């Protein structure tokens, strides 16, 4: 139990650095966005506490401002959360089967872009029995800073230029991207390059669906290229 507590604290300590700072900055921008769009501090902060998914939170605010129906908002926000399915499918199997418990249902709320990216990068370097405790400490800190940061951003809105507020929202995805460049998986690297090239071009033709199309095209092509290169390497080694 003592060792597990030590690992939890190590995860929390690692989060108290660039990961938490980047997330804090992104939530500052989101809090300012909430005030700018006429929401109160309680609703804005509650989205960080209960949703903890910045893209979904941004979509929620935009659709509330547009006075969309509750069903439409629910569908749109659910679509933005589809990424969590693949994130959980790649993350949770890395925890030892003996550690599986109902606690997972609470822990899944802490799954977010930053914690997932760091875990996918660092888990191969850890003993399997240490991963769950490390993730718990790391992810809890990231979640814990999100609500105070949102409230602070709401209160500071108007004190900071609008373009800075908007820029803060994109710091977290940028940190995620830079983190994943360290993952030595060829398919990921190809997908990042293709996304960087295709994203702006597709946006010119379809602003509303550019992110979806970019992910679909970039991910599919990256998988196909990586599979072709692996098969070619296998054939060359066997011949």
Protein backbone atom coordinates (compact mmCIF):
# COMPACT_ATOMS: atom_id res chain seq x y z
CA UNK A 1 0.00 0.00 0.00
CA UNK A 2 2.91 2.29 0.79
CA UNK A 3 4.48 1.68 -2.60
CA UNK A 4 1.18 2.35 -4.36
CA UNK A 5 0.79 5.64 -2.47
CA UNK A 6 4.32 6.62 -3.48
CA UNK A 7 3.53 5.97 -7.14
CA UNK A 8 0.28 7.97 -6.92
CA UNK A 9 2.24 10.89 -5.48
CA UNK A 10 4.85 10.55 -8.21
CA UNK A 11 2.13 10.80 -10.86
CA UNK A 12 0.69 13.86 -9.12
CA UNK A 13 4.14 15.43 -8.89
CA UNK A 14 4.79 14.85 -12.60
CA UNK A 15 1.47 16.50 -13.43
CA UNK A 16 2.39 19.59 -11.40
CA UNK A 17 4.53 21.01 -14.15
CA UNK A 18 3.99 21.58 -17.82
CA UNK A 19 0.90 19.30 -18.07
CA UNK A 20 -1.09 21.07 -15.34
CA UNK A 21 0.17 24.50 -16.41
CA UNK A 22 -0.89 23.92 -20.00
CA UNK A 23 -4.30 22.62 -18.97
CA UNK A 24 -4.69 25.56 -16.55
CA UNK A 25 -3.98 28.00 -19.36
CA UNK A 26 -6.50 26.32 -21.67
CA UNK A 27 -9.21 26.43 -19.02
CA UNK A 28 -8.44 30.09 -18.35
CA UNK A 29 -9.27 30.80 -21.97
CA UNK A 30 -12.40 28.69 -21.76
CA UNK A 31 -13.59 30.53 -18.65
CA UNK A 32 -13.16 33.85 -20.42
CA UNK A 33 -15.04 32.46 -23.41
CA UNK A 34 -17.95 31.51 -21.16
CA UNK A 35 -18.28 35.03 -19.78
CA UNK A 36 -17.91 36.60 -23.22
CA UNK A 37 -20.82 34.49 -24.46
CA UNK A 38 -23.14 35.45 -21.62
CA UNK A 39 -22.96 32.36 -19.37
CA UNK A 40 -22.67 32.71 -15.61
CA UNK A 41 -19.66 31.52 -13.65
CA UNK A 42 -21.50 28.52 -12.16
CA UNK A 43 -22.54 27.00 -15.48
CA UNK A 44 -19.16 27.69 -17.04
CA UNK A 45 -17.24 26.15 -14.14
CA UNK A 46 -19.63 23.19 -13.86
CA UNK A 47 -18.79 22.11 -17.41
CA UNK A 48 -15.13 21.73 -16.40
CA UNK A 49 -16.06 19.83 -13.25
CA UNK A 50 -18.57 17.43 -14.79
CA UNK A 51 -17.48 17.22 -18.44
CA UNK A 52 -13.71 17.80 -18.29
CA UNK A 53 -13.45 17.77 -22.07
CA UNK A 54 -12.45 21.12 -23.54
CA UNK A 55 -13.62 20.54 -27.15
CA UNK A 56 -17.01 19.36 -25.91
CA UNK A 57 -17.24 22.31 -23.54
CA UNK A 58 -16.54 24.75 -26.37
CA UNK A 59 -19.21 23.10 -28.54
CA UNK A 60 -21.66 23.25 -25.63
CA UNK A 61 -21.17 26.99 -25.18
CA UNK A 62 -21.42 27.71 -28.90
CA UNK A 63 -24.69 25.78 -29.20
CA UNK A 64 -26.14 27.35 -26.07
CA UNK A 65 -25.43 30.76 -27.57
CA UNK A 66 -27.16 29.66 -30.78
CA UNK A 67 -30.13 28.50 -28.65
CA UNK A 68 -30.02 25.00 -30.10
CA UNK A 69 -32.38 22.36 -28.74
CA UNK A 70 -31.28 20.13 -25.88
CA UNK A 71 -31.29 17.07 -28.16
CA UNK A 72 -29.10 18.79 -30.75
CA UNK A 73 -26.66 19.91 -28.07
CA UNK A 74 -26.50 16.41 -26.59
CA UNK A 75 -25.79 14.83 -29.99
CA UNK A 76 -23.13 17.39 -30.90
CA UNK A 77 -21.32 17.12 -27.57
CA UNK A 78 -21.52 13.32 -27.71
CA UNK A 79 -19.88 13.32 -31.13
CA UNK A 80 -16.99 15.41 -29.81
CA UNK A 81 -16.55 12.82 -27.07
CA UNK A 82 -16.27 9.90 -29.49
CA UNK A 83 -12.49 10.11 -29.19
CA UNK A 84 -12.72 8.87 -25.60
CA UNK A 85 -13.79 5.46 -26.85
CA UNK A 86 -10.50 4.84 -28.63
CA UNK A 87 -8.57 6.50 -25.80
CA UNK A 88 -10.07 4.12 -23.23
CA UNK A 89 -9.67 1.11 -25.51
CA UNK A 90 -5.94 1.80 -25.82
CA UNK A 91 -5.34 2.92 -22.23
CA UNK A 92 -7.22 0.60 -19.88
CA UNK A 93 -5.97 -2.72 -21.31
CA UNK A 94 -2.49 -1.63 -20.21
CA UNK A 95 -3.55 -1.94 -16.56
CA UNK A 96 -3.06 -5.46 -15.11
CA UNK A 97 -6.20 -7.56 -15.07
CA UNK A 98 -5.84 -8.20 -11.32
CA UNK A 99 -6.27 -4.45 -10.69
CA UNK A 100 -9.57 -4.19 -12.52
CA UNK A 101 -12.47 -3.08 -10.31
CA UNK A 102 -15.59 -0.84 -10.22
CA UNK A 103 -13.13 2.01 -9.53
CA UNK A 104 -12.65 2.16 -13.30
CA UNK A 105 -16.08 3.79 -13.68
CA UNK A 106 -14.89 6.76 -11.62
CA UNK A 107 -11.41 6.75 -13.10
CA UNK A 108 -12.70 6.99 -16.66
CA UNK A 109 -13.94 10.52 -15.88
CA UNK A 110 -10.31 11.56 -15.44
CA UNK A 111 -9.32 10.38 -18.92
CA UNK A 112 -8.42 13.42 -20.97
CA UNK A 113 -6.09 14.37 -23.76
CA UNK A 114 -3.08 15.29 -21.62
CA UNK A 115 -3.18 12.38 -19.17
CA UNK A 116 -3.80 9.90 -21.99
CA UNK A 117 -0.93 11.18 -24.14
CA UNK A 118 1.56 11.12 -21.27
CA UNK A 119 0.40 7.64 -20.26
CA UNK A 120 0.73 6.25 -23.77
CA UNK A 121 4.23 7.72 -23.94
CA UNK A 122 5.48 6.60 -20.53
CA UNK A 123 3.63 3.35 -19.75
CA UNK A 124 6.05 1.19 -21.78
CA UNK A 125 8.82 2.38 -19.42
CA UNK A 126 6.87 1.40 -16.28
CA UNK A 127 6.14 -1.88 -14.56
CA UNK A 128 2.52 -2.88 -15.33
CA UNK A 129 1.59 -2.88 -11.62
CA UNK A 130 2.62 0.78 -11.31
CA UNK A 131 0.59 2.15 -14.20
CA UNK A 132 -2.84 2.43 -12.57
CA UNK A 133 -1.53 4.24 -9.49
CA UNK A 134 0.57 6.60 -11.61
CA UNK A 135 -2.31 7.43 -13.92
CA UNK A 136 -4.64 8.05 -10.96
CA UNK A 137 -2.29 10.60 -9.41
CA UNK A 138 -1.44 12.28 -12.69
CA UNK A 139 -4.98 12.49 -14.06
CA UNK A 140 -6.52 13.61 -10.75
CA UNK A 141 -4.25 16.66 -10.61
CA UNK A 142 -5.15 17.59 -14.20
CA UNK A 143 -8.86 17.32 -13.38
CA UNK A 144 -8.49 19.18 -10.08
CA UNK A 145 -6.94 22.29 -11.65
CA UNK A 146 -9.52 22.58 -14.43
CA UNK A 147 -12.45 24.00 -12.44
CA UNK A 148 -10.47 26.66 -10.49
CA UNK A 149 -8.78 27.70 -13.74
CA UNK A 150 -12.15 28.06 -15.46
CA UNK A 151 -13.53 30.20 -12.65
CA UNK A 152 -10.41 32.37 -12.64
CA UNK A 153 -10.58 32.81 -16.41
CA UNK A 154 -14.21 33.85 -16.08
CA UNK A 155 -13.32 36.50 -13.50
CA UNK A 156 -10.37 37.77 -15.53
CA UNK A 157 -12.37 38.09 -18.75
CA UNK A 158 -12.11 41.64 -20.02
CA UNK A 159 -8.73 42.15 -18.38
CA UNK A 160 -6.95 40.20 -21.13
CA UNK A 161 -7.25 40.85 -24.90
CA UNK A 162 -9.70 38.53 -26.68
CA UNK A 163 -7.08 37.06 -29.02
CA UNK A 164 -5.02 35.94 -26.02
CA UNK A 165 -8.06 34.30 -24.42
CA UNK A 166 -8.75 32.39 -27.63
CA UNK A 167 -5.11 31.43 -27.97
CA UNK A 168 -5.06 29.95 -24.48
CA UNK A 169 -7.78 27.48 -25.49
CA UNK A 170 -5.46 25.96 -28.10
CA UNK A 171 -2.44 25.54 -25.83
CA UNK A 172 -3.64 22.18 -24.56
CA UNK A 173 -4.10 20.57 -28.02
CA UNK A 174 -0.68 21.93 -29.02
CA UNK A 175 0.91 20.37 -25.94
CA UNK A 176 -0.80 17.09 -26.81
CA UNK A 177 0.61 17.23 -30.32
CA UNK A 178 4.15 17.97 -29.16
CA UNK A 179 3.93 15.19 -26.57
CA UNK A 180 2.94 12.66 -29.19
CA UNK A 181 5.83 13.53 -31.45
CA UNK A 182 7.99 11.75 -28.84
CA UNK A 183 6.11 8.49 -29.28
CA UNK A 184 8.26 6.32 -31.52
CA UNK A 185 5.41 4.81 -33.49
CA UNK A 186 5.65 5.39 -37.21
CA UNK A 187 1.89 5.43 -37.82
CA UNK A 188 1.45 8.21 -35.25
CA UNK A 189 4.22 10.28 -36.76
CA UNK A 190 2.80 9.89 -40.26
CA UNK A 191 -0.67 10.85 -39.03
CA UNK A 192 0.67 14.00 -37.36
CA UNK A 193 2.44 15.13 -40.54
CA UNK A 194 -0.56 14.37 -42.75
CA UNK A 195 -2.91 16.14 -40.35
CA UNK A 196 -0.73 19.25 -40.27
CA UNK A 197 -0.73 19.39 -44.08
CA UNK A 198 -4.30 18.32 -44.83
CA UNK A 199 -6.07 20.16 -42.00
CA UNK A 200 -5.70 23.74 -43.30
CA UNK A 201 -6.39 22.66 -46.88
CA UNK A 202 -9.58 20.77 -46.01
CA UNK A 203 -10.73 23.69 -43.85
CA UNK A 204 -10.80 25.90 -46.95
CA UNK A 205 -13.41 23.62 -48.53
CA UNK A 206 -15.35 22.41 -45.49
CA UNK A 207 -14.85 24.49 -42.33
CA UNK A 208 -17.60 22.71 -40.39
CA UNK A 209 -16.34 19.17 -41.02
CA UNK A 210 -12.63 19.79 -41.60
CA UNK A 211 -11.53 18.21 -38.31
CA UNK A 212 -13.57 15.06 -38.96
CA UNK A 213 -12.36 14.71 -42.54
CA UNK A 214 -8.75 15.41 -41.60
CA UNK A 215 -8.76 12.77 -38.90
CA UNK A 216 -10.46 10.21 -41.12
CA UNK A 217 -8.20 10.79 -44.13
CA UNK A 218 -4.96 11.30 -42.21
CA UNK A 219 -5.52 8.33 -39.90
CA UNK A 220 -6.55 5.99 -42.72
CA UNK A 221 -3.64 6.93 -44.96
CA UNK A 222 -1.17 6.72 -42.06
CA UNK A 223 -2.42 3.24 -41.16
CA UNK A 224 -2.24 2.12 -44.79
CA UNK A 225 1.29 3.45 -45.32
CA UNK A 226 2.54 1.97 -42.05
CA UNK A 227 0.99 -1.42 -42.82
CA UNK A 228 2.51 -1.44 -46.31
CA UNK A 229 5.97 -0.60 -44.94
CA UNK A 230 5.71 -3.30 -42.24
CA UNK A 231 4.63 -5.94 -44.78
CA UNK A 232 7.43 -4.92 -47.12
CA UNK A 233 9.97 -5.20 -44.31
CA UNK A 234 8.65 -8.63 -43.38
CA UNK A 235 8.90 -9.84 -46.99
CA UNK A 236 12.47 -8.53 -47.32
CA UNK A 237 13.56 -10.20 -44.08
CA UNK A 238 12.02 -13.53 -45.06
CA UNK A 239 13.51 -13.58 -48.55
